[in-house]
Amino acid sequence: QKEQVTPRRLAGEQYIMHLDTEGTYQCSLTGLIFEVTKAVKITYSLLSWSKYANLVEKPWIVGGPLFDVRCDSASALTSIQFPHSLCLGG
């Protein structure tokens, strides 16, 4: 079961969450889900694909948001579930 958390917005598309205890938390703004084993501070931001799109080689294509996620205790962050999209246009 996930606890909905609204992060604090720092600047632009940059966010910070202070998670107080072990558990599974979902960001109410981005849909990211973080599973942690203890209290942590997580900062994350949406990046522009324009800087990284040339790294995507065919047959792959850019298909979703790009996130930069940082945690003050990397060992405490056991998983991140990213939102996904589905193209129904063929």
PDB file of N, CA and C in Angstrom:
ATOM      1  N   GLN A   1       0.843  -1.183   0.000  1.00  0.00           N
ATOM      2  CA  GLN A   1       0.000   0.000   0.000  1.00  0.00           C
ATOM      3  C   GLN A   1       0.888   1.246   0.000  1.00  0.00           C
ATOM      4  N   LYS A   2       0.524   2.218  -0.845  1.00  0.00           N
ATOM      5  CA  LYS A   2       1.323   3.429  -1.013  1.00  0.00           C
ATOM      6  C   LYS A   2       0.692   4.590  -0.257  1.00  0.00           C
ATOM      7  N   GLU A   3       1.545   5.411   0.318  1.00  0.00           N
ATOM      8  CA  GLU A   3       1.089   6.643   0.946  1.00  0.00           C
ATOM      9  C   GLU A   3       1.311   7.783  -0.038  1.00  0.00           C
ATOM     10  N   GLN A   4       0.261   8.560  -0.332  1.00  0.00           N
ATOM     11  CA  GLN A   4       0.380   9.716  -1.218  1.00  0.00           C
ATOM     12  C   GLN A   4       1.098  10.837  -0.484  1.00  0.00           C
ATOM     13  N   VAL A   5       2.107  11.420  -1.144  1.00  0.00           N
ATOM     14  CA  VAL A   5       2.871  12.513  -0.560  1.00  0.00           C
ATOM     15  C   VAL A   5       2.953  13.639  -1.581  1.00  0.00           C
ATOM     16  N   THR A   6       2.733  14.862  -1.130  1.00  0.00           N
ATOM     17  CA  THR A   6       2.909  16.017  -1.998  1.00  0.00           C
ATOM     18  C   THR A   6       4.262  16.636  -1.678  1.00  0.00           C
ATOM     19  N   PRO A   7       5.161  16.657  -2.642  1.00  0.00           N
ATOM     20  CA  PRO A   7       6.506  17.183  -2.388  1.00  0.00           C
ATOM     21  C   PRO A   7       6.503  18.706  -2.321  1.00  0.00           C
ATOM     22  N   ARG A   8       7.587  19.239  -1.818  1.00  0.00           N
ATOM     23  CA  ARG A   8       7.783  20.685  -1.859  1.00  0.00           C
ATOM     24  C   ARG A   8       8.504  21.012  -3.158  1.00  0.00           C
ATOM     25  N   ARG A   9       8.015  21.997  -3.875  1.00  0.00           N
ATOM     26  CA  ARG A   9       8.656  22.399  -5.130  1.00  0.00           C
ATOM     27  C   ARG A   9       9.774  23.378  -4.805  1.00  0.00           C
ATOM     28  N   LEU A  10      10.966  23.082  -5.319  1.00  0.00           N
ATOM     29  CA  LEU A  10      12.111  23.953  -5.064  1.00  0.00           C
ATOM     30  C   LEU A  10      12.200  25.052  -6.114  1.00  0.00           C
ATOM     31  N   ALA A  11      12.389  24.683  -7.367  1.00  0.00           N
ATOM     32  CA  ALA A  11      12.482  25.636  -8.466  1.00  0.00           C
ATOM     33  C   ALA A  11      12.138  24.909  -9.747  1.00  0.00           C
ATOM     34  N   GLY A  12      11.362  25.534 -10.594  1.00  0.00           N
ATOM     35  CA  GLY A  12      10.992  24.907 -11.858  1.00  0.00           C
ATOM     36  C   GLY A  12      10.347  23.566 -11.643  1.00  0.00           C
ATOM     37  N   GLU A  13      10.935  22.527 -12.205  1.00  0.00           N
ATOM     38  CA  GLU A  13      10.417  21.166 -12.076  1.00  0.00           C
ATOM     39  C   GLU A  13      11.265  20.343 -11.107  1.00  0.00           C
ATOM     40  N   GLN A  14      11.771  20.985 -10.055  1.00  0.00           N
ATOM     41  CA  GLN A  14      12.586  20.298  -9.057  1.00  0.00           C
ATOM     42  C   GLN A  14      11.789  20.175  -7.759  1.00  0.00           C
ATOM     43  N   TYR A  15      11.820  18.964  -7.168  1.00  0.00           N
ATOM     44  CA  TYR A  15      11.011  18.662  -5.990  1.00  0.00           C
ATOM     45  C   TYR A  15      11.866  18.044  -4.890  1.00  0.00           C
ATOM     46  N   ILE A  16      11.354  18.132  -3.657  1.00  0.00           N
ATOM     47  CA  ILE A  16      12.017  17.483  -2.526  1.00  0.00           C
ATOM     48  C   ILE A  16      10.957  16.838  -1.641  1.00  0.00           C
ATOM     49  N   MET A  17      11.290  15.653  -1.154  1.00  0.00           N
ATOM     50  CA  MET A  17      10.418  14.918  -0.230  1.00  0.00           C
ATOM     51  C   MET A  17      11.238  14.492   0.970  1.00  0.00           C
ATOM     52  N   HIS A  18      10.701  14.703   2.159  1.00  0.00           N
ATOM     53  CA  HIS A  18      11.291  14.168   3.387  1.00  0.00           C
ATOM     54  C   HIS A  18      10.370  13.032   3.827  1.00  0.00           C
ATOM     55  N   LEU A  19      10.842  11.812   3.716  1.00  0.00           N
ATOM     56  CA  LEU A  19      10.051  10.644   4.097  1.00  0.00           C
ATOM     57  C   LEU A  19      10.511  10.209   5.484  1.00  0.00           C
ATOM     58  N   ASP A  20       9.567  10.146   6.420  1.00  0.00           N
ATOM     59  CA  ASP A  20       9.893   9.997   7.836  1.00  0.00           C
ATOM     60  C   ASP A  20      10.186   8.578   8.303  1.00  0.00           C
ATOM     61  N   THR A  21       9.735   7.586   7.555  1.00  0.00           N
ATOM     62  CA  THR A  21       9.905   6.214   8.026  1.00  0.00           C
ATOM     63  C   THR A  21       9.886   5.243   6.847  1.00  0.00           C
ATOM     64  N   GLU A  22      10.192   4.003   7.113  1.00  0.00           N
ATOM     65  CA  GLU A  22      10.146   2.943   6.102  1.00  0.00           C
ATOM     66  C   GLU A  22       8.753   2.877   5.485  1.00  0.00           C
ATOM     67  N   GLY A  23       8.708   2.626   4.180  1.00  0.00           N
ATOM     68  CA  GLY A  23       7.414   2.472   3.533  1.00  0.00           C
ATOM     69  C   GLY A  23       7.481   2.703   2.042  1.00  0.00           C
ATOM     70  N   THR A  24       6.298   2.752   1.436  1.00  0.00           N
ATOM     71  CA  THR A  24       6.154   2.994   0.001  1.00  0.00           C
ATOM     72  C   THR A  24       5.344   4.264  -0.170  1.00  0.00           C
ATOM     73  N   TYR A  25       5.898   5.213  -0.925  1.00  0.00           N
ATOM     74  CA  TYR A  25       5.322   6.545  -1.055  1.00  0.00           C
ATOM     75  C   TYR A  25       5.150   6.898  -2.529  1.00  0.00           C
ATOM     76  N   GLN A  26       4.033   7.550  -2.864  1.00  0.00           N
ATOM     77  CA  GLN A  26       3.795   7.978  -4.243  1.00  0.00           C
ATOM     78  C   GLN A  26       3.676   9.491  -4.286  1.00  0.00           C
ATOM     79  N   CYS A  27       4.433  10.102  -5.189  1.00  0.00           N
ATOM     80  CA  CYS A  27       4.369  11.548  -5.389  1.00  0.00           C
ATOM     81  C   CYS A  27       3.047  11.902  -6.048  1.00  0.00           C
ATOM     82  N   SER A  28       2.316  12.818  -5.454  1.00  0.00           N
ATOM     83  CA  SER A  28       1.010  13.208  -5.982  1.00  0.00           C
ATOM     84  C   SER A  28       1.129  14.042  -7.258  1.00  0.00           C
ATOM     85  N   LEU A  29       2.314  14.585  -7.548  1.00  0.00           N
ATOM     86  CA  LEU A  29       2.488  15.426  -8.738  1.00  0.00           C
ATOM     87  C   LEU A  29       3.056  14.682  -9.941  1.00  0.00           C
ATOM     88  N   THR A  30       4.001  13.780  -9.709  1.00  0.00           N
ATOM     89  CA  THR A  30       4.691  13.107 -10.825  1.00  0.00           C
ATOM     90  C   THR A  30       4.291  11.647 -11.001  1.00  0.00           C
ATOM     91  N   GLY A  31       3.711  11.036  -9.967  1.00  0.00           N
ATOM     92  CA  GLY A  31       3.373   9.619 -10.031  1.00  0.00           C
ATOM     93  C   GLY A  31       4.514   8.692  -9.665  1.00  0.00           C
ATOM     94  N   LEU A  32       5.711   9.251  -9.411  1.00  0.00           N
ATOM     95  CA  LEU A  32       6.837   8.416  -9.001  1.00  0.00           C
ATOM     96  C   LEU A  32       6.514   7.717  -7.687  1.00  0.00           C
ATOM     97  N   ILE A  33       6.953   6.460  -7.561  1.00  0.00           N
ATOM     98  CA  ILE A  33       6.739   5.691  -6.340  1.00  0.00           C
ATOM     99  C   ILE A  33       8.113   5.314  -5.783  1.00  0.00           C
ATOM    100  N   PHE A  34       8.339   5.651  -4.519  1.00  0.00           N
ATOM    101  CA  PHE A  34       9.606   5.384  -3.849  1.00  0.00           C
ATOM    102  C   PHE A  34       9.375   4.385  -2.725  1.00  0.00           C
ATOM    103  N   GLU A  35      10.206   3.344  -2.678  1.00  0.00           N
ATOM    104  CA  GLU A  35      10.176   2.390  -1.578  1.00  0.00           C
ATOM    105  C   GLU A  35      11.460   2.587  -0.776  1.00  0.00           C
ATOM    106  N   VAL A  36      11.306   2.873   0.525  1.00  0.00           N
ATOM    107  CA  VAL A  36      12.466   3.167   1.363  1.00  0.00           C
ATOM    108  C   VAL A  36      12.455   2.310   2.623  1.00  0.00           C
ATOM    109  N   THR A  37      13.653   2.082   3.171  1.00  0.00           N
ATOM    110  CA  THR A  37      13.778   1.251   4.371  1.00  0.00           C
ATOM    111  C   THR A  37      13.954   2.063   5.647  1.00  0.00           C
ATOM    112  N   LYS A  38      14.134   3.380   5.504  1.00  0.00           N
ATOM    113  CA  LYS A  38      14.255   4.258   6.668  1.00  0.00           C
ATOM    114  C   LYS A  38      13.976   5.690   6.227  1.00  0.00           C
ATOM    115  N   ALA A  39      14.019   6.613   7.159  1.00  0.00           N
ATOM    116  CA  ALA A  39      13.788   8.020   6.849  1.00  0.00           C
ATOM    117  C   ALA A  39      14.854   8.525   5.874  1.00  0.00           C
ATOM    118  N   VAL A  40      14.424   9.247   4.838  1.00  0.00           N
ATOM    119  CA  VAL A  40      15.349   9.776   3.827  1.00  0.00           C
ATOM    120  C   VAL A  40      14.844  11.102   3.294  1.00  0.00           C
ATOM    121  N   LYS A  41      15.762  11.798   2.630  1.00  0.00           N
ATOM    122  CA  LYS A  41      15.416  12.997   1.869  1.00  0.00           C
ATOM    123  C   LYS A  41      15.685  12.679   0.410  1.00  0.00           C
ATOM    124  N   ILE A  42      14.669  12.833  -0.430  1.00  0.00           N
ATOM    125  CA  ILE A  42      14.806  12.557  -1.863  1.00  0.00           C
ATOM    126  C   ILE A  42      14.550  13.852  -2.620  1.00  0.00           C
ATOM    127  N   THR A  43      15.465  14.196  -3.511  1.00  0.00           N
ATOM    128  CA  THR A  43      15.256  15.323  -4.412  1.00  0.00           C
ATOM    129  C   THR A  43      15.209  14.771  -5.830  1.00  0.00           C
ATOM    130  N   TYR A  44      14.331  15.324  -6.634  1.00  0.00           N
ATOM    131  CA  TYR A  44      14.209  14.856  -8.008  1.00  0.00           C
ATOM    132  C   TYR A  44      13.691  15.967  -8.887  1.00  0.00           C
ATOM    133  N   SER A  45      13.996  15.835 -10.168  1.00  0.00           N
ATOM    134  CA  SER A  45      13.572  16.860 -11.118  1.00  0.00           C
ATOM    135  C   SER A  45      13.289  16.237 -12.469  1.00  0.00           C
ATOM    136  N   LEU A  46      12.467  16.918 -13.220  1.00  0.00           N
ATOM    137  CA  LEU A  46      12.193  16.553 -14.610  1.00  0.00           C
ATOM    138  C   LEU A  46      13.248  17.208 -15.469  1.00  0.00           C
ATOM    139  N   LEU A  47      13.861  16.428 -16.356  1.00  0.00           N
ATOM    140  CA  LEU A  47      14.875  16.953 -17.256  1.00  0.00           C
ATOM    141  C   LEU A  47      14.319  17.034 -18.668  1.00  0.00           C
ATOM    142  N   SER A  48      14.974  17.821 -19.486  1.00  0.00           N
ATOM    143  CA  SER A  48      14.580  17.950 -20.887  1.00  0.00           C
ATOM    144  C   SER A  48      15.284  16.890 -21.724  1.00  0.00           C
ATOM    145  N   TRP A  49      14.534  16.234 -22.591  1.00  0.00           N
ATOM    146  CA  TRP A  49      15.137  15.245 -23.478  1.00  0.00           C
ATOM    147  C   TRP A  49      16.040  15.898 -24.522  1.00  0.00           C
ATOM    148  N   SER A  50      15.901  17.199 -24.756  1.00  0.00           N
ATOM    149  CA  SER A  50      16.695  17.840 -25.809  1.00  0.00           C
ATOM    150  C   SER A  50      18.197  17.659 -25.579  1.00  0.00           C
ATOM    151  N   LYS A  51      18.611  17.584 -24.330  1.00  0.00           N
ATOM    152  CA  LYS A  51      20.030  17.412 -24.021  1.00  0.00           C
ATOM    153  C   LYS A  51      20.486  15.967 -24.208  1.00  0.00           C
ATOM    154  N   TYR A  52      19.570  14.997 -24.107  1.00  0.00           N
ATOM    155  CA  TYR A  52      19.934  13.588 -24.093  1.00  0.00           C
ATOM    156  C   TYR A  52      19.387  12.769 -25.274  1.00  0.00           C
ATOM    157  N   ALA A  53      18.540  13.353 -26.090  1.00  0.00           N
ATOM    158  CA  ALA A  53      17.875  12.603 -27.156  1.00  0.00           C
ATOM    159  C   ALA A  53      18.857  11.966 -28.137  1.00  0.00           C
ATOM    160  N   ASN A  54      19.998  12.595 -28.361  1.00  0.00           N
ATOM    161  CA  ASN A  54      20.966  12.024 -29.315  1.00  0.00           C
ATOM    162  C   ASN A  54      21.606  10.738 -28.778  1.00  0.00           C
ATOM    163  N   LEU A  55      21.425  10.424 -27.503  1.00  0.00           N
ATOM    164  CA  LEU A  55      21.948   9.180 -26.932  1.00  0.00           C
ATOM    165  C   LEU A  55      21.017   7.993 -27.187  1.00  0.00           C
ATOM    166  N   VAL A  56      19.797   8.281 -27.616  1.00  0.00           N
ATOM    167  CA  VAL A  56      18.812   7.233 -27.876  1.00  0.00           C
ATOM    168  C   VAL A  56      18.996   6.754 -29.314  1.00  0.00           C
ATOM    169  N   GLU A  57      19.388   5.497 -29.466  1.00  0.00           N
ATOM    170  CA  GLU A  57      19.659   4.944 -30.789  1.00  0.00           C
ATOM    171  C   GLU A  57      18.476   4.143 -31.304  1.00  0.00           C
ATOM    172  N   LYS A  58      18.271   4.172 -32.622  1.00  0.00           N
ATOM    173  CA  LYS A  58      17.197   3.408 -33.236  1.00  0.00           C
ATOM    174  C   LYS A  58      17.411   1.933 -32.998  1.00  0.00           C
ATOM    175  N   PRO A  59      16.390   1.166 -32.774  1.00  0.00           N
ATOM    176  CA  PRO A  59      14.976   1.444 -32.985  1.00  0.00           C
ATOM    177  C   PRO A  59      14.296   2.111 -31.791  1.00  0.00           C
ATOM    178  N   TRP A  60      15.045   2.470 -30.758  1.00  0.00           N
ATOM    179  CA  TRP A  60      14.460   3.128 -29.593  1.00  0.00           C
ATOM    180  C   TRP A  60      14.086   4.557 -29.925  1.00  0.00           C
ATOM    181  N   ILE A  61      13.052   5.060 -29.252  1.00  0.00           N
ATOM    182  CA  ILE A  61      12.638   6.451 -29.407  1.00  0.00           C
ATOM    183  C   ILE A  61      12.357   7.027 -28.028  1.00  0.00           C
ATOM    184  N   VAL A  62      12.418   8.344 -27.933  1.00  0.00           N
ATOM    185  CA  VAL A  62      12.075   9.030 -26.689  1.00  0.00           C
ATOM    186  C   VAL A  62      10.589   8.813 -26.453  1.00  0.00           C
ATOM    187  N   GLY A  63      10.239   8.351 -25.242  1.00  0.00           N
ATOM    188  CA  GLY A  63       8.835   8.005 -25.048  1.00  0.00           C
ATOM    189  C   GLY A  63       8.240   8.378 -23.715  1.00  0.00           C
ATOM    190  N   GLY A  64       8.882   9.149 -22.914  1.00  0.00           N
ATOM    191  CA  GLY A  64       8.314   9.475 -21.620  1.00  0.00           C
ATOM    192  C   GLY A  64       9.151  10.491 -20.891  1.00  0.00           C
ATOM    193  N   PRO A  65       8.766  10.815 -19.681  1.00  0.00           N
ATOM    194  CA  PRO A  65       9.523  11.809 -18.917  1.00  0.00           C
ATOM    195  C   PRO A  65      10.894  11.281 -18.509  1.00  0.00           C
ATOM    196  N   LEU A  66      11.814  12.194 -18.314  1.00  0.00           N
ATOM    197  CA  LEU A  66      13.176  11.876 -17.896  1.00  0.00           C
ATOM    198  C   LEU A  66      13.390  12.499 -16.521  1.00  0.00           C
ATOM    199  N   PHE A  67      13.766  11.693 -15.536  1.00  0.00           N
ATOM    200  CA  PHE A  67      13.919  12.164 -14.162  1.00  0.00           C
ATOM    201  C   PHE A  67      15.361  12.050 -13.687  1.00  0.00           C
ATOM    202  N   ASP A  68      15.779  12.997 -12.881  1.00  0.00           N
ATOM    203  CA  ASP A  68      17.036  12.934 -12.146  1.00  0.00           C
ATOM    204  C   ASP A  68      16.655  12.771 -10.679  1.00  0.00           C
ATOM    205  N   VAL A  69      16.991  11.629 -10.076  1.00  0.00           N
ATOM    206  CA  VAL A  69      16.595  11.319  -8.698  1.00  0.00           C
ATOM    207  C   VAL A  69      17.852  11.198  -7.840  1.00  0.00           C
ATOM    208  N   ARG A  70      17.839  11.874  -6.687  1.00  0.00           N
ATOM    209  CA  ARG A  70      18.956  11.810  -5.745  1.00  0.00           C
ATOM    210  C   ARG A  70      18.415  11.546  -4.349  1.00  0.00           C
ATOM    211  N   CYS A  71      19.154  10.750  -3.588  1.00  0.00           N
ATOM    212  CA  CYS A  71      18.724  10.360  -2.246  1.00  0.00           C
ATOM    213  C   CYS A  71      19.892  10.542  -1.292  1.00  0.00           C
ATOM    214  N   ASP A  72      19.635  11.085  -0.096  1.00  0.00           N
ATOM    215  CA  ASP A  72      20.725  11.299   0.859  1.00  0.00           C
ATOM    216  C   ASP A  72      21.237   9.999   1.476  1.00  0.00           C
ATOM    217  N   SER A  73      20.509   8.898   1.282  1.00  0.00           N
ATOM    218  CA  SER A  73      20.957   7.587   1.751  1.00  0.00           C
ATOM    219  C   SER A  73      20.586   6.561   0.683  1.00  0.00           C
ATOM    220  N   ALA A  74      21.474   6.375  -0.275  1.00  0.00           N
ATOM    221  CA  ALA A  74      21.181   5.512  -1.426  1.00  0.00           C
ATOM    222  C   ALA A  74      20.808   4.091  -1.019  1.00  0.00           C
ATOM    223  N   SER A  75      21.391   3.580   0.044  1.00  0.00           N
ATOM    224  CA  SER A  75      21.079   2.210   0.460  1.00  0.00           C
ATOM    225  C   SER A  75      19.665   2.086   1.015  1.00  0.00           C
ATOM    226  N   ALA A  76      19.076   3.192   1.448  1.00  0.00           N
ATOM    227  CA  ALA A  76      17.718   3.160   2.002  1.00  0.00           C
ATOM    228  C   ALA A  76      16.649   3.175   0.906  1.00  0.00           C
ATOM    229  N   LEU A  77      17.010   3.618  -0.295  1.00  0.00           N
ATOM    230  CA  LEU A  77      16.062   3.679  -1.417  1.00  0.00           C
ATOM    231  C   LEU A  77      16.139   2.351  -2.161  1.00  0.00           C
ATOM    232  N   THR A  78      15.160   1.466  -1.920  1.00  0.00           N
ATOM    233  CA  THR A  78      15.237   0.118  -2.481  1.00  0.00           C
ATOM    234  C   THR A  78      14.609   0.001  -3.860  1.00  0.00           C
ATOM    235  N   SER A  79      13.677   0.897  -4.197  1.00  0.00           N
ATOM    236  CA  SER A  79      13.120   0.862  -5.552  1.00  0.00           C
ATOM    237  C   SER A  79      12.448   2.178  -5.898  1.00  0.00           C
ATOM    238  N   ILE A  80      12.421   2.449  -7.199  1.00  0.00           N
ATOM    239  CA  ILE A  80      11.678   3.581  -7.751  1.00  0.00           C
ATOM    240  C   ILE A  80      10.819   3.018  -8.866  1.00  0.00           C
ATOM    241  N   GLN A  81       9.538   3.327  -8.835  1.00  0.00           N
ATOM    242  CA  GLN A  81       8.643   2.943  -9.929  1.00  0.00           C
ATOM    243  C   GLN A  81       8.310   4.212 -10.690  1.00  0.00           C
ATOM    244  N   PHE A  82       8.622   4.206 -11.961  1.00  0.00           N
ATOM    245  CA  PHE A  82       8.403   5.372 -12.808  1.00  0.00           C
ATOM    246  C   PHE A  82       7.052   5.282 -13.503  1.00  0.00           C
ATOM    247  N   PRO A  83       6.395   6.420 -13.685  1.00  0.00           N
ATOM    248  CA  PRO A  83       5.142   6.381 -14.447  1.00  0.00           C
ATOM    249  C   PRO A  83       5.453   5.975 -15.876  1.00  0.00           C
ATOM    250  N   HIS A  84       4.495   5.387 -16.531  1.00  0.00           N
ATOM    251  CA  HIS A  84       4.721   4.975 -17.910  1.00  0.00           C
ATOM    252  C   HIS A  84       3.563   5.451 -18.765  1.00  0.00           C
ATOM    253  N   SER A  85       3.795   5.413 -20.049  1.00  0.00           N
ATOM    254  CA  SER A  85       2.754   5.809 -20.985  1.00  0.00           C
ATOM    255  C   SER A  85       2.578   4.705 -22.010  1.00  0.00           C
ATOM    256  N   LEU A  86       1.433   4.685 -22.624  1.00  0.00           N
ATOM    257  CA  LEU A  86       1.111   3.675 -23.624  1.00  0.00           C
ATOM    258  C   LEU A  86       0.546   4.374 -24.847  1.00  0.00           C
ATOM    259  N   CYS A  87       1.170   4.142 -25.977  1.00  0.00           N
ATOM    260  CA  CYS A  87       0.703   4.748 -27.222  1.00  0.00           C
ATOM    261  C   CYS A  87      -0.375   3.864 -27.830  1.00  0.00           C
ATOM    262  N   LEU A  88      -1.560   4.403 -27.968  1.00  0.00           N
ATOM    263  CA  LEU A  88      -2.660   3.651 -28.553  1.00  0.00           C
ATOM    264  C   LEU A  88      -2.877   4.015 -30.018  1.00  0.00           C
ATOM    265  N   GLY A  89      -1.976   4.829 -30.564  1.00  0.00           N
ATOM    266  CA  GLY A  89      -2.117   5.290 -31.930  1.00  0.00           C
ATOM    267  C   GLY A  89      -1.472   4.383 -32.962  1.00  0.00           C
ATOM    268  N   GLY A  90      -1.328   3.100 -32.688  1.00  0.00           N
ATOM    269  CA  GLY A  90      -0.762   2.182 -33.686  1.00  0.00           C
ATOM    270  C   GLY A  90       0.669   1.929 -33.441  1.00  0.00           C
TER     271      GLY A  90
END
